[in-house]
Amino acid sequence: DTGARRIAPGSRMAAMDAKLRRAGPRSRYRLRKQVVEPVFGQIKAARGFRQFLLRGYAKVRHEWALVCTVHNLAKLLIARTA
């Protein structure tokens, strides 16, 4: 076993595989790694945010908005003092 997965022709996986190969190095999927994910890593590492304290979709949305606001304000403060 080489670890390579066989993809059935005409399947959704085959269509996605073709889409990813056709897009090349500047695809949206590759750019997404450069743009969005570092923010989540910064929030987890610098802010120490690992899990939500509240339960329920509405409460979690508000808690996440607060975490993002604090992160953005801290970035603005650092940029202003630099």
Protein backbone atom coordinates (compact mmCIF):
# COMPACT_ATOMS: atom_id res chain seq x y z
CA ASP A 1 0.00 0.00 0.00
CA THR A 2 1.50 3.33 -1.08
CA GLY A 3 -0.95 5.43 0.88
CA ALA A 4 -2.41 6.99 -2.28
CA ARG A 5 -6.18 7.01 -2.35
CA ARG A 6 -7.98 6.02 -5.51
CA ILE A 7 -10.55 8.54 -6.64
CA ALA A 8 -13.47 7.31 -8.72
CA PRO A 9 -13.80 9.24 -11.99
CA GLY A 10 -16.88 11.46 -12.08
CA SER A 11 -17.16 11.61 -8.29
CA ARG A 12 -17.24 14.79 -6.24
CA MET A 13 -13.73 14.06 -4.99
CA ALA A 14 -12.50 13.82 -8.58
CA ALA A 15 -14.12 17.15 -9.42
CA MET A 16 -12.53 18.81 -6.37
CA ASP A 17 -9.15 17.24 -7.16
CA ALA A 18 -9.34 18.59 -10.72
CA LYS A 19 -10.37 22.01 -9.44
CA LEU A 20 -7.42 22.17 -7.03
CA ARG A 21 -4.94 21.03 -9.67
CA ARG A 22 -6.29 23.44 -12.29
CA ALA A 23 -6.11 26.48 -10.00
CA GLY A 24 -2.33 26.40 -9.64
CA PRO A 25 -0.18 28.07 -6.99
CA ARG A 26 -2.28 31.27 -6.78
CA SER A 27 -5.57 29.51 -6.11
CA ARG A 28 -7.97 30.79 -3.49
CA TYR A 29 -7.37 27.67 -1.47
CA ARG A 30 -3.63 28.31 -1.27
CA LEU A 31 -4.06 32.03 -0.57
CA ARG A 32 -6.49 31.21 2.23
CA LYS A 33 -3.64 29.68 4.22
CA GLN A 34 -1.70 32.92 4.02
CA VAL A 35 -4.52 35.30 4.87
CA VAL A 36 -6.89 33.89 7.48
CA GLU A 37 -5.32 31.16 9.57
CA PRO A 38 -2.50 33.21 11.22
CA VAL A 39 -5.13 35.28 13.03
CA PHE A 40 -6.54 32.16 14.71
CA GLY A 41 -3.04 31.12 15.73
CA GLN A 42 -2.35 34.56 17.18
CA ILE A 43 -5.59 34.50 19.14
CA LYS A 44 -4.81 31.04 20.50
CA ALA A 45 -1.15 31.73 21.33
CA ALA A 46 -1.02 35.41 22.30
CA ARG A 47 -4.45 35.72 23.90
CA GLY A 48 -4.51 32.23 25.40
CA PHE A 49 -7.98 31.56 24.00
CA ARG A 50 -8.46 27.80 23.79
CA GLN A 51 -12.13 27.20 24.45
CA PHE A 52 -15.39 29.03 24.86
CA LEU A 53 -16.63 29.65 28.38
CA LEU A 54 -20.28 30.00 27.45
CA ARG A 55 -22.72 27.54 25.89
CA GLY A 56 -25.27 28.11 23.18
CA TYR A 57 -24.82 29.45 19.69
CA ALA A 58 -25.84 33.04 20.46
CA LYS A 59 -23.61 33.26 23.54
CA VAL A 60 -20.64 31.76 21.68
CA ARG A 61 -21.10 34.26 18.84
CA HIS A 62 -21.00 37.13 21.34
CA GLU A 63 -17.98 35.68 23.12
CA TRP A 64 -16.14 35.26 19.81
CA ALA A 65 -16.99 38.84 18.82
CA LEU A 66 -15.52 40.04 22.12
CA VAL A 67 -12.33 38.00 21.60
CA CYS A 68 -11.93 39.39 18.07
CA THR A 69 -12.55 42.95 19.27
CA VAL A 70 -9.89 42.62 21.96
CA HIS A 71 -7.46 41.17 19.40
CA ASN A 72 -8.08 44.01 16.95
CA LEU A 73 -7.81 46.71 19.61
CA ALA A 74 -4.54 45.24 20.84
CA LYS A 75 -3.18 45.28 17.29
CA LEU A 76 -4.22 48.91 16.88
CA LEU A 77 -2.59 49.84 20.18
CA ILE A 78 0.66 48.15 19.23
CA ALA A 79 0.63 49.81 15.80
CA ARG A 80 -0.02 53.22 17.33
CA THR A 81 2.76 52.97 19.90
CA ALA A 82 5.31 51.62 17.43
